[in-house]
Amino acid sequence: LAGRVALDVADALVAEGTLAPLEAGAPGAVLDAHGPLATRLGIASAIA
């Protein structure tokens, strides 16, 4: 996913503490895959 909605999702996941802030072209980090939005979006299973 890309565009403004993709950035809204990324911003929400960073604000929730699920993801570390992203850098273009760099590997990112999942900090906590069990926040409310992360759980709703099935992030733990996606990265497992």
ModelCIF file with pLDDT and N, C-alpha, C, O atoms, coordinates in Angstrom:
data_MODEL
#
_entry.id   MODEL 
#
_entity.id                         1 
_entity.type                       polymer 
_entity.pdbx_number_of_molecules   1 
#
_entity_poly.entity_id                      1 
_entity_poly.type                           'polypeptide(L)' 
_entity_poly.nstd_linkage                   no 
_entity_poly.nstd_monomer                   no 
_entity_poly.pdbx_seq_one_letter_code       LAGRVALDVADALVAEGTLAPLEAGAPGAVLDAHGPLATRLGIASAIA 
_entity_poly.pdbx_seq_one_letter_code_can   LAGRVALDVADALVAEGTLAPLEAGAPGAVLDAHGPLATRLGIASAIA 
_entity_poly.pdbx_strand_id                 A 
#
loop_
_entity_poly_seq.entity_id 
_entity_poly_seq.num 
_entity_poly_seq.mon_id 
_entity_poly_seq.hetero 
1 1  LEU n 
1 2  ALA n 
1 3  GLY n 
1 4  ARG n 
1 5  VAL n 
1 6  ALA n 
1 7  LEU n 
1 8  ASP n 
1 9  VAL n 
1 10 ALA n 
1 11 ASP n 
1 12 ALA n 
1 13 LEU n 
1 14 VAL n 
1 15 ALA n 
1 16 GLU n 
1 17 GLY n 
1 18 THR n 
1 19 LEU n 
1 20 ALA n 
1 21 PRO n 
1 22 LEU n 
1 23 GLU n 
1 24 ALA n 
1 25 GLY n 
1 26 ALA n 
1 27 PRO n 
1 28 GLY n 
1 29 ALA n 
1 30 VAL n 
1 31 LEU n 
1 32 ASP n 
1 33 ALA n 
1 34 HIS n 
1 35 GLY n 
1 36 PRO n 
1 37 LEU n 
1 38 ALA n 
1 39 THR n 
1 40 ARG n 
1 41 LEU n 
1 42 GLY n 
1 43 ILE n 
1 44 ALA n 
1 45 SER n 
1 46 ALA n 
1 47 ILE n 
1 48 ALA n 
#
_struct_asym.id          A 
_struct_asym.entity_id   1 
#
loop_
_ma_qa_metric.id 
_ma_qa_metric.mode 
_ma_qa_metric.name 
_ma_qa_metric.software_group_id 
_ma_qa_metric.type 
1 global pLDDT . pLDDT 
2 local  pLDDT . pLDDT 
#
_ma_qa_metric_global.metric_id      1 
_ma_qa_metric_global.metric_value   94.25 
_ma_qa_metric_global.model_id       1 
_ma_qa_metric_global.ordinal_id     1 
#
loop_
_ma_qa_metric_local.label_asym_id 
_ma_qa_metric_local.label_comp_id 
_ma_qa_metric_local.label_seq_id 
_ma_qa_metric_local.metric_id 
_ma_qa_metric_local.metric_value 
_ma_qa_metric_local.model_id 
_ma_qa_metric_local.ordinal_id 
A LEU 1  2 96.00 1 1  
A ALA 2  2 96.00 1 2  
A GLY 3  2 96.00 1 3  
A ARG 4  2 95.00 1 4  
A VAL 5  2 94.00 1 5  
A ALA 6  2 96.00 1 6  
A LEU 7  2 96.00 1 7  
A ASP 8  2 94.00 1 8  
A VAL 9  2 95.00 1 9  
A ALA 10 2 96.00 1 10 
A ASP 11 2 96.00 1 11 
A ALA 12 2 95.00 1 12 
A LEU 13 2 96.00 1 13 
A VAL 14 2 97.00 1 14 
A ALA 15 2 96.00 1 15 
A GLU 16 2 96.00 1 16 
A GLY 17 2 97.00 1 17 
A THR 18 2 96.00 1 18 
A LEU 19 2 97.00 1 19 
A ALA 20 2 97.00 1 20 
A PRO 21 2 97.00 1 21 
A LEU 22 2 97.00 1 22 
A GLU 23 2 95.00 1 23 
A ALA 24 2 93.00 1 24 
A GLY 25 2 92.00 1 25 
A ALA 26 2 94.00 1 26 
A PRO 27 2 94.00 1 27 
A GLY 28 2 94.00 1 28 
A ALA 29 2 94.00 1 29 
A VAL 30 2 94.00 1 30 
A LEU 31 2 95.00 1 31 
A ASP 32 2 94.00 1 32 
A ALA 33 2 94.00 1 33 
A HIS 34 2 94.00 1 34 
A GLY 35 2 93.00 1 35 
A PRO 36 2 94.00 1 36 
A LEU 37 2 94.00 1 37 
A ALA 38 2 94.00 1 38 
A THR 39 2 94.00 1 39 
A ARG 40 2 93.00 1 40 
A LEU 41 2 94.00 1 41 
A GLY 42 2 93.00 1 42 
A ILE 43 2 94.00 1 43 
A ALA 44 2 93.00 1 44 
A SER 45 2 88.00 1 45 
A ALA 46 2 87.00 1 46 
A ILE 47 2 88.00 1 47 
A ALA 48 2 87.00 1 48 
#
loop_
_atom_site.group_PDB 
_atom_site.id 
_atom_site.type_symbol 
_atom_site.label_atom_id 
_atom_site.label_alt_id 
_atom_site.label_comp_id 
_atom_site.label_asym_id 
_atom_site.label_entity_id 
_atom_site.label_seq_id 
_atom_site.pdbx_PDB_ins_code 
_atom_site.Cartn_x 
_atom_site.Cartn_y 
_atom_site.Cartn_z 
_atom_site.occupancy 
_atom_site.B_iso_or_equiv 
_atom_site.pdbx_formal_charge 
_atom_site.auth_seq_id 
_atom_site.auth_comp_id 
_atom_site.auth_asym_id 
_atom_site.auth_atom_id 
_atom_site.pdbx_PDB_model_num 
ATOM 1   N N  . LEU A 1 1  ? 0.831  -1.203  0.000  1.00 96.00 ? 1  LEU A N  1 
ATOM 2   C CA . LEU A 1 1  ? 0.000  0.000   0.000  1.00 96.00 ? 1  LEU A CA 1 
ATOM 3   C C  . LEU A 1 1  ? 0.865  1.253   0.000  1.00 96.00 ? 1  LEU A C  1 
ATOM 4   O O  . LEU A 1 1  ? 1.880  1.319   0.694  1.00 96.00 ? 1  LEU A O  1 
ATOM 5   N N  . ALA A 1 2  ? 0.449  2.263   -0.798 1.00 96.00 ? 2  ALA A N  1 
ATOM 6   C CA . ALA A 1 2  ? 1.161  3.544   -0.854 1.00 96.00 ? 2  ALA A CA 1 
ATOM 7   C C  . ALA A 1 2  ? 0.145  4.670   -0.905 1.00 96.00 ? 2  ALA A C  1 
ATOM 8   O O  . ALA A 1 2  ? -1.057 4.428   -1.011 1.00 96.00 ? 2  ALA A O  1 
ATOM 9   N N  . GLY A 1 3  ? 0.630  5.897   -0.829 1.00 96.00 ? 3  GLY A N  1 
ATOM 10  C CA . GLY A 1 3  ? -0.237 7.078   -0.846 1.00 96.00 ? 3  GLY A CA 1 
ATOM 11  C C  . GLY A 1 3  ? -0.517 7.575   0.557  1.00 96.00 ? 3  GLY A C  1 
ATOM 12  O O  . GLY A 1 3  ? 0.023  7.066   1.539  1.00 96.00 ? 3  GLY A O  1 
ATOM 13  N N  . ARG A 1 4  ? -1.386 8.594   0.630  1.00 95.00 ? 4  ARG A N  1 
ATOM 14  C CA . ARG A 1 4  ? -1.689 9.204   1.936  1.00 95.00 ? 4  ARG A CA 1 
ATOM 15  C C  . ARG A 1 4  ? -2.241 8.193   2.929  1.00 95.00 ? 4  ARG A C  1 
ATOM 16  O O  . ARG A 1 4  ? -1.888 8.236   4.107  1.00 95.00 ? 4  ARG A O  1 
ATOM 17  N N  . VAL A 1 5  ? -3.101 7.281   2.478  1.00 94.00 ? 5  VAL A N  1 
ATOM 18  C CA . VAL A 1 5  ? -3.660 6.318   3.438  1.00 94.00 ? 5  VAL A CA 1 
ATOM 19  C C  . VAL A 1 5  ? -2.577 5.387   3.974  1.00 94.00 ? 5  VAL A C  1 
ATOM 20  O O  . VAL A 1 5  ? -2.636 4.986   5.136  1.00 94.00 ? 5  VAL A O  1 
ATOM 21  N N  . ALA A 1 6  ? -1.596 5.037   3.156  1.00 96.00 ? 6  ALA A N  1 
ATOM 22  C CA . ALA A 1 6  ? -0.496 4.194   3.628  1.00 96.00 ? 6  ALA A CA 1 
ATOM 23  C C  . ALA A 1 6  ? 0.320  4.924   4.690  1.00 96.00 ? 6  ALA A C  1 
ATOM 24  O O  . ALA A 1 6  ? 0.752  4.327   5.676  1.00 96.00 ? 6  ALA A O  1 
ATOM 25  N N  . LEU A 1 7  ? 0.522  6.213   4.476  1.00 96.00 ? 7  LEU A N  1 
ATOM 26  C CA . LEU A 1 7  ? 1.267  7.000   5.458  1.00 96.00 ? 7  LEU A CA 1 
ATOM 27  C C  . LEU A 1 7  ? 0.466  7.162   6.745  1.00 96.00 ? 7  LEU A C  1 
ATOM 28  O O  . LEU A 1 7  ? 1.040  7.188   7.833  1.00 96.00 ? 7  LEU A O  1 
ATOM 29  N N  . ASP A 1 8  ? -0.862 7.273   6.628  1.00 94.00 ? 8  ASP A N  1 
ATOM 30  C CA . ASP A 1 8  ? -1.709 7.339   7.831  1.00 94.00 ? 8  ASP A CA 1 
ATOM 31  C C  . ASP A 1 8  ? -1.596 6.046   8.641  1.00 94.00 ? 8  ASP A C  1 
ATOM 32  O O  . ASP A 1 8  ? -1.508 6.083   9.868  1.00 94.00 ? 8  ASP A O  1 
ATOM 33  N N  . VAL A 1 9  ? -1.599 4.907   7.951  1.00 95.00 ? 9  VAL A N  1 
ATOM 34  C CA . VAL A 1 9  ? -1.461 3.616   8.648  1.00 95.00 ? 9  VAL A CA 1 
ATOM 35  C C  . VAL A 1 9  ? -0.077 3.536   9.305  1.00 95.00 ? 9  VAL A C  1 
ATOM 36  O O  . VAL A 1 9  ? 0.035  3.151   10.469 1.00 95.00 ? 9  VAL A O  1 
ATOM 37  N N  . ALA A 1 10 ? 0.965  3.895   8.566  1.00 96.00 ? 10 ALA A N  1 
ATOM 38  C CA . ALA A 1 10 ? 2.324  3.856   9.120  1.00 96.00 ? 10 ALA A CA 1 
ATOM 39  C C  . ALA A 1 10 ? 2.441  4.782   10.326 1.00 96.00 ? 10 ALA A C  1 
ATOM 40  O O  . ALA A 1 10 ? 3.002  4.398   11.352 1.00 96.00 ? 10 ALA A O  1 
ATOM 41  N N  . ASP A 1 11 ? 1.914  5.995   10.207 1.00 96.00 ? 11 ASP A N  1 
ATOM 42  C CA . ASP A 1 11 ? 1.971  6.949   11.323 1.00 96.00 ? 11 ASP A CA 1 
ATOM 43  C C  . ASP A 1 11 ? 1.246  6.411   12.550 1.00 96.00 ? 11 ASP A C  1 
ATOM 44  O O  . ASP A 1 11 ? 1.721  6.567   13.675 1.00 96.00 ? 11 ASP A O  1 
ATOM 45  N N  . ALA A 1 12 ? 0.087  5.771   12.333 1.00 95.00 ? 12 ALA A N  1 
ATOM 46  C CA . ALA A 1 12 ? -0.679 5.215   13.453 1.00 95.00 ? 12 ALA A CA 1 
ATOM 47  C C  . ALA A 1 12 ? 0.088  4.075   14.122 1.00 95.00 ? 12 ALA A C  1 
ATOM 48  O O  . ALA A 1 12 ? 0.075  3.950   15.347 1.00 95.00 ? 12 ALA A O  1 
ATOM 49  N N  . LEU A 1 13 ? 0.753  3.245   13.321 1.00 96.00 ? 13 LEU A N  1 
ATOM 50  C CA . LEU A 1 13 ? 1.517  2.136   13.891 1.00 96.00 ? 13 LEU A CA 1 
ATOM 51  C C  . LEU A 1 13 ? 2.759  2.630   14.628 1.00 96.00 ? 13 LEU A C  1 
ATOM 52  O O  . LEU A 1 13 ? 3.150  2.042   15.636 1.00 96.00 ? 13 LEU A O  1 
ATOM 53  N N  . VAL A 1 14 ? 3.377  3.693   14.144 1.00 97.00 ? 14 VAL A N  1 
ATOM 54  C CA . VAL A 1 14 ? 4.514  4.288   14.860 1.00 97.00 ? 14 VAL A CA 1 
ATOM 55  C C  . VAL A 1 14 ? 4.022  4.930   16.159 1.00 97.00 ? 14 VAL A C  1 
ATOM 56  O O  . VAL A 1 14 ? 4.636  4.751   17.210 1.00 97.00 ? 14 VAL A O  1 
ATOM 57  N N  . ALA A 1 15 ? 2.915  5.679   16.089 1.00 96.00 ? 15 ALA A N  1 
ATOM 58  C CA . ALA A 1 15 ? 2.365  6.337   17.288 1.00 96.00 ? 15 ALA A CA 1 
ATOM 59  C C  . ALA A 1 15 ? 1.952  5.316   18.346 1.00 96.00 ? 15 ALA A C  1 
ATOM 60  O O  . ALA A 1 15 ? 2.101  5.567   19.542 1.00 96.00 ? 15 ALA A O  1 
ATOM 61  N N  . GLU A 1 16 ? 1.437  4.175   17.914 1.00 96.00 ? 16 GLU A N  1 
ATOM 62  C CA . GLU A 1 16 ? 1.013  3.120   18.828 1.00 96.00 ? 16 GLU A CA 1 
ATOM 63  C C  . GLU A 1 16 ? 2.210  2.421   19.477 1.00 96.00 ? 16 GLU A C  1 
ATOM 64  O O  . GLU A 1 16 ? 2.065  1.763   20.507 1.00 96.00 ? 16 GLU A O  1 
ATOM 65  N N  . GLY A 1 17 ? 3.388  2.566   18.873 1.00 97.00 ? 17 GLY A N  1 
ATOM 66  C CA . GLY A 1 17 ? 4.568  1.876   19.385 1.00 97.00 ? 17 GLY A CA 1 
ATOM 67  C C  . GLY A 1 17 ? 4.797  0.534   18.739 1.00 97.00 ? 17 GLY A C  1 
ATOM 68  O O  . GLY A 1 17 ? 5.650  -0.235  19.184 1.00 97.00 ? 17 GLY A O  1 
ATOM 69  N N  . THR A 1 18 ? 4.040  0.239   17.688 1.00 96.00 ? 18 THR A N  1 
ATOM 70  C CA . THR A 1 18 ? 4.209  -1.026  16.979 1.00 96.00 ? 18 THR A CA 1 
ATOM 71  C C  . THR A 1 18 ? 5.471  -1.008  16.133 1.00 96.00 ? 18 THR A C  1 
ATOM 72  O O  . THR A 1 18 ? 6.231  -1.977  16.127 1.00 96.00 ? 18 THR A O  1 
ATOM 73  N N  . LEU A 1 19 ? 5.699  0.095   15.414 1.00 97.00 ? 19 LEU A N  1 
ATOM 74  C CA . LEU A 1 19 ? 6.856  0.216   14.530 1.00 97.00 ? 19 LEU A CA 1 
ATOM 75  C C  . LEU A 1 19 ? 7.768  1.342   14.977 1.00 97.00 ? 19 LEU A C  1 
ATOM 76  O O  . LEU A 1 19 ? 7.321  2.342   15.538 1.00 97.00 ? 19 LEU A O  1 
ATOM 77  N N  . ALA A 1 20 ? 9.064  1.161   14.716 1.00 97.00 ? 20 ALA A N  1 
ATOM 78  C CA . ALA A 1 20 ? 10.011 2.268   14.841 1.00 97.00 ? 20 ALA A CA 1 
ATOM 79  C C  . ALA A 1 20 ? 9.792  3.179   13.636 1.00 97.00 ? 20 ALA A C  1 
ATOM 80  O O  . ALA A 1 20 ? 9.333  2.704   12.596 1.00 97.00 ? 20 ALA A O  1 
ATOM 81  N N  . PRO A 1 21 ? 10.104 4.467   13.740 1.00 97.00 ? 21 PRO A N  1 
ATOM 82  C CA . PRO A 1 21 ? 9.968  5.346   12.573 1.00 97.00 ? 21 PRO A CA 1 
ATOM 83  C C  . PRO A 1 21 ? 10.714 4.774   11.368 1.00 97.00 ? 21 PRO A C  1 
ATOM 84  O O  . PRO A 1 21 ? 11.810 4.229   11.499 1.00 97.00 ? 21 PRO A O  1 
ATOM 85  N N  . LEU A 1 22 ? 10.099 4.910   10.198 1.00 97.00 ? 22 LEU A N  1 
ATOM 86  C CA . LEU A 1 22 ? 10.640 4.329   8.967  1.00 97.00 ? 22 LEU A CA 1 
ATOM 87  C C  . LEU A 1 22 ? 11.633 5.262   8.293  1.00 97.00 ? 22 LEU A C  1 
ATOM 88  O O  . LEU A 1 22 ? 11.513 6.485   8.367  1.00 97.00 ? 22 LEU A O  1 
ATOM 89  N N  . GLU A 1 23 ? 12.613 4.659   7.636  1.00 95.00 ? 23 GLU A N  1 
ATOM 90  C CA . GLU A 1 23 ? 13.547 5.383   6.782  1.00 95.00 ? 23 GLU A CA 1 
ATOM 91  C C  . GLU A 1 23 ? 13.474 4.750   5.401  1.00 95.00 ? 23 GLU A C  1 
ATOM 92  O O  . GLU A 1 23 ? 13.444 3.526   5.276  1.00 95.00 ? 23 GLU A O  1 
ATOM 93  N N  . ALA A 1 24 ? 13.446 5.583   4.360  1.00 93.00 ? 24 ALA A N  1 
ATOM 94  C CA . ALA A 1 24 ? 13.340 5.080   2.992  1.00 93.00 ? 24 ALA A CA 1 
ATOM 95  C C  . ALA A 1 24 ? 14.524 4.179   2.656  1.00 93.00 ? 24 ALA A C  1 
ATOM 96  O O  . ALA A 1 24 ? 15.680 4.543   2.872  1.00 93.00 ? 24 ALA A O  1 
ATOM 97  N N  . GLY A 1 25 ? 14.216 2.997   2.124  1.00 92.00 ? 25 GLY A N  1 
ATOM 98  C CA . GLY A 1 25 ? 15.241 2.066   1.690  1.00 92.00 ? 25 GLY A CA 1 
ATOM 99  C C  . GLY A 1 25 ? 15.913 1.282   2.788  1.00 92.00 ? 25 GLY A C  1 
ATOM 100 O O  . GLY A 1 25 ? 16.797 0.469   2.516  1.00 92.00 ? 25 GLY A O  1 
ATOM 101 N N  . ALA A 1 26 ? 15.513 1.509   4.028  1.00 94.00 ? 26 ALA A N  1 
ATOM 102 C CA . ALA A 1 26 ? 16.170 0.845   5.155  1.00 94.00 ? 26 ALA A CA 1 
ATOM 103 C C  . ALA A 1 26 ? 15.228 -0.163  5.802  1.00 94.00 ? 26 ALA A C  1 
ATOM 104 O O  . ALA A 1 26 ? 14.012 0.029   5.814  1.00 94.00 ? 26 ALA A O  1 
ATOM 105 N N  . PRO A 1 27 ? 15.801 -1.244  6.341  1.00 94.00 ? 27 PRO A N  1 
ATOM 106 C CA . PRO A 1 27 ? 14.959 -2.175  7.091  1.00 94.00 ? 27 PRO A CA 1 
ATOM 107 C C  . PRO A 1 27 ? 14.333 -1.456  8.283  1.00 94.00 ? 27 PRO A C  1 
ATOM 108 O O  . PRO A 1 27 ? 14.968 -0.609  8.909  1.00 94.00 ? 27 PRO A O  1 
ATOM 109 N N  . GLY A 1 28 ? 13.103 -1.796  8.586  1.00 94.00 ? 28 GLY A N  1 
ATOM 110 C CA . GLY A 1 28 ? 12.410 -1.218  9.728  1.00 94.00 ? 28 GLY A CA 1 
ATOM 111 C C  . GLY A 1 28 ? 12.391 -2.201  10.877 1.00 94.00 ? 28 GLY A C  1 
ATOM 112 O O  . GLY A 1 28 ? 12.916 -3.310  10.774 1.00 94.00 ? 28 GLY A O  1 
ATOM 113 N N  . ALA A 1 29 ? 11.780 -1.784  11.977 1.00 94.00 ? 29 ALA A N  1 
ATOM 114 C CA . ALA A 1 29 ? 11.731 -2.646  13.149 1.00 94.00 ? 29 ALA A CA 1 
ATOM 115 C C  . ALA A 1 29 ? 10.335 -2.664  13.737 1.00 94.00 ? 29 ALA A C  1 
ATOM 116 O O  . ALA A 1 29 ? 9.695  -1.625  13.900 1.00 94.00 ? 29 ALA A O  1 
ATOM 117 N N  . VAL A 1 30 ? 9.876  -3.866  14.053 1.00 94.00 ? 30 VAL A N  1 
ATOM 118 C CA . VAL A 1 30 ? 8.628  -4.031  14.788 1.00 94.00 ? 30 VAL A CA 1 
ATOM 119 C C  . VAL A 1 30 ? 8.998  -4.030  16.259 1.00 94.00 ? 30 VAL A C  1 
ATOM 120 O O  . VAL A 1 30 ? 9.781  -4.863  16.715 1.00 94.00 ? 30 VAL A O  1 
ATOM 121 N N  . LEU A 1 31 ? 8.428  -3.090  16.993 1.00 95.00 ? 31 LEU A N  1 
ATOM 122 C CA . LEU A 1 31 ? 8.745  -2.951  18.418 1.00 95.00 ? 31 LEU A CA 1 
ATOM 123 C C  . LEU A 1 31 ? 7.782  -3.743  19.289 1.00 95.00 ? 31 LEU A C  1 
ATOM 124 O O  . LEU A 1 31 ? 8.183  -4.328  20.296 1.00 95.00 ? 31 LEU A O  1 
ATOM 125 N N  . ASP A 1 32 ? 6.497  -3.760  18.896 1.00 94.00 ? 32 ASP A N  1 
ATOM 126 C CA . ASP A 1 32 ? 5.467  -4.455  19.671 1.00 94.00 ? 32 ASP A CA 1 
ATOM 127 C C  . ASP A 1 32 ? 4.304  -4.777  18.741 1.00 94.00 ? 32 ASP A C  1 
ATOM 128 O O  . ASP A 1 32 ? 3.570  -3.879  18.329 1.00 94.00 ? 32 ASP A O  1 
ATOM 129 N N  . ALA A 1 33 ? 4.137  -6.035  18.415 1.00 94.00 ? 33 ALA A N  1 
ATOM 130 C CA . ALA A 1 33 ? 3.111  -6.442  17.461 1.00 94.00 ? 33 ALA A CA 1 
ATOM 131 C C  . ALA A 1 33 ? 1.765  -6.721  18.123 1.00 94.00 ? 33 ALA A C  1 
ATOM 132 O O  . ALA A 1 33 ? 0.897  -7.350  17.518 1.00 94.00 ? 33 ALA A O  1 
ATOM 133 N N  . HIS A 1 34 ? 1.583  -6.256  19.372 1.00 94.00 ? 34 HIS A N  1 
ATOM 134 C CA . HIS A 1 34 ? 0.362  -6.611  20.093 1.00 94.00 ? 34 HIS A CA 1 
ATOM 135 C C  . HIS A 1 34 ? -0.456 -5.409  20.551 1.00 94.00 ? 34 HIS A C  1 
ATOM 136 O O  . HIS A 1 34 ? -1.317 -5.556  21.418 1.00 94.00 ? 34 HIS A O  1 
ATOM 137 N N  . GLY A 1 35 ? -0.213 -4.237  20.001 1.00 93.00 ? 35 GLY A N  1 
ATOM 138 C CA . GLY A 1 35 ? -1.052 -3.078  20.285 1.00 93.00 ? 35 GLY A CA 1 
ATOM 139 C C  . GLY A 1 35 ? -2.418 -3.252  19.649 1.00 93.00 ? 35 GLY A C  1 
ATOM 140 O O  . GLY A 1 35 ? -2.600 -4.162  18.840 1.00 93.00 ? 35 GLY A O  1 
ATOM 141 N N  . PRO A 1 36 ? -3.379 -2.414  19.987 1.00 94.00 ? 36 PRO A N  1 
ATOM 142 C CA . PRO A 1 36 ? -4.741 -2.578  19.456 1.00 94.00 ? 36 PRO A CA 1 
ATOM 143 C C  . PRO A 1 36 ? -4.812 -2.573  17.923 1.00 94.00 ? 36 PRO A C  1 
ATOM 144 O O  . PRO A 1 36 ? -5.452 -3.448  17.338 1.00 94.00 ? 36 PRO A O  1 
ATOM 145 N N  . LEU A 1 37 ? -4.172 -1.610  17.270 1.00 94.00 ? 37 LEU A N  1 
ATOM 146 C CA . LEU A 1 37 ? -4.212 -1.568  15.807 1.00 94.00 ? 37 LEU A CA 1 
ATOM 147 C C  . LEU A 1 37 ? -3.414 -2.711  15.208 1.00 94.00 ? 37 LEU A C  1 
ATOM 148 O O  . LEU A 1 37 ? -3.843 -3.330  14.235 1.00 94.00 ? 37 LEU A O  1 
ATOM 149 N N  . ALA A 1 38 ? -2.249 -2.993  15.787 1.00 94.00 ? 38 ALA A N  1 
ATOM 150 C CA . ALA A 1 38 ? -1.424 -4.100  15.303 1.00 94.00 ? 38 ALA A CA 1 
ATOM 151 C C  . ALA A 1 38 ? -2.181 -5.418  15.382 1.00 94.00 ? 38 ALA A C  1 
ATOM 152 O O  . ALA A 1 38 ? -2.121 -6.231  14.460 1.00 94.00 ? 38 ALA A O  1 
ATOM 153 N N  . THR A 1 39 ? -2.884 -5.625  16.473 1.00 94.00 ? 39 THR A N  1 
ATOM 154 C CA . THR A 1 39 ? -3.676 -6.848  16.628 1.00 94.00 ? 39 THR A CA 1 
ATOM 155 C C  . THR A 1 39 ? -4.802 -6.888  15.611 1.00 94.00 ? 39 THR A C  1 
ATOM 156 O O  . THR A 1 39 ? -5.045 -7.924  14.992 1.00 94.00 ? 39 THR A O  1 
ATOM 157 N N  . ARG A 1 40 ? -5.487 -5.775  15.435 1.00 93.00 ? 40 ARG A N  1 
ATOM 158 C CA . ARG A 1 40 ? -6.593 -5.710  14.480 1.00 93.00 ? 40 ARG A CA 1 
ATOM 159 C C  . ARG A 1 40 ? -6.136 -6.006  13.050 1.00 93.00 ? 40 ARG A C  1 
ATOM 160 O O  . ARG A 1 40 ? -6.868 -6.616  12.270 1.00 93.00 ? 40 ARG A O  1 
ATOM 161 N N  . LEU A 1 41 ? -4.915 -5.567  12.714 1.00 94.00 ? 41 LEU A N  1 
ATOM 162 C CA . LEU A 1 41 ? -4.397 -5.764  11.362 1.00 94.00 ? 41 LEU A CA 1 
ATOM 163 C C  . LEU A 1 41 ? -3.607 -7.061  11.200 1.00 94.00 ? 41 LEU A C  1 
ATOM 164 O O  . LEU A 1 41 ? -3.103 -7.340  10.112 1.00 94.00 ? 41 LEU A O  1 
ATOM 165 N N  . GLY A 1 42 ? -3.492 -7.854  12.259 1.00 93.00 ? 42 GLY A N  1 
ATOM 166 C CA . GLY A 1 42 ? -2.826 -9.152  12.165 1.00 93.00 ? 42 GLY A CA 1 
ATOM 167 C C  . GLY A 1 42 ? -1.331 -9.059  11.930 1.00 93.00 ? 42 GLY A C  1 
ATOM 168 O O  . GLY A 1 42 ? -0.764 -9.875  11.203 1.00 93.00 ? 42 GLY A O  1 
ATOM 169 N N  . ILE A 1 43 ? -0.689 -8.075  12.535 1.00 94.00 ? 43 ILE A N  1 
ATOM 170 C CA . ILE A 1 43 ? 0.727  -7.840  12.275 1.00 94.00 ? 43 ILE A CA 1 
ATOM 171 C C  . ILE A 1 43 ? 1.606  -8.971  12.805 1.00 94.00 ? 43 ILE A C  1 
ATOM 172 O O  . ILE A 1 43 ? 2.588  -9.333  12.157 1.00 94.00 ? 43 ILE A O  1 
ATOM 173 N N  . ALA A 1 44 ? 1.285  -9.525  13.942 1.00 93.00 ? 44 ALA A N  1 
ATOM 174 C CA . ALA A 1 44 ? 2.112  -10.599 14.511 1.00 93.00 ? 44 ALA A CA 1 
ATOM 175 C C  . ALA A 1 44 ? 2.213  -11.774 13.546 1.00 93.00 ? 44 ALA A C  1 
ATOM 176 O O  . ALA A 1 44 ? 3.296  -12.328 13.359 1.00 93.00 ? 44 ALA A O  1 
ATOM 177 N N  . SER A 1 45 ? 1.109  -12.155 12.938 1.00 88.00 ? 45 SER A N  1 
ATOM 178 C CA . SER A 1 45 ? 1.152  -13.285 12.001 1.00 88.00 ? 45 SER A CA 1 
ATOM 179 C C  . SER A 1 45 ? 1.877  -12.915 10.717 1.00 88.00 ? 45 SER A C  1 
ATOM 180 O O  . SER A 1 45 ? 2.511  -13.772 10.100 1.00 88.00 ? 45 SER A O  1 
ATOM 181 N N  . ALA A 1 46 ? 1.797  -11.656 10.302 1.00 87.00 ? 46 ALA A N  1 
ATOM 182 C CA . ALA A 1 46 ? 2.457  -11.221 9.070  1.00 87.00 ? 46 ALA A CA 1 
ATOM 183 C C  . ALA A 1 46 ? 3.974  -11.274 9.187  1.00 87.00 ? 46 ALA A C  1 
ATOM 184 O O  . ALA A 1 46 ? 4.663  -11.579 8.213  1.00 87.00 ? 46 ALA A O  1 
ATOM 185 N N  . ILE A 1 47 ? 4.494  -10.982 10.366 1.00 88.00 ? 47 ILE A N  1 
ATOM 186 C CA . ILE A 1 47 ? 5.950  -10.955 10.527 1.00 88.00 ? 47 ILE A CA 1 
ATOM 187 C C  . ILE A 1 47 ? 6.504  -12.267 11.072 1.00 88.00 ? 47 ILE A C  1 
ATOM 188 O O  . ILE A 1 47 ? 7.720  -12.435 11.158 1.00 88.00 ? 47 ILE A O  1 
ATOM 189 N N  . ALA A 1 48 ? 5.624  -13.198 11.439 1.00 87.00 ? 48 ALA A N  1 
ATOM 190 C CA . ALA A 1 48 ? 6.071  -14.463 12.032 1.00 87.00 ? 48 ALA A CA 1 
ATOM 191 C C  . ALA A 1 48 ? 6.698  -15.392 10.997 1.00 87.00 ? 48 ALA A C  1 
ATOM 192 O O  . ALA A 1 48 ? 7.124  -16.496 11.336 1.00 87.00 ? 48 ALA A O  1 
#
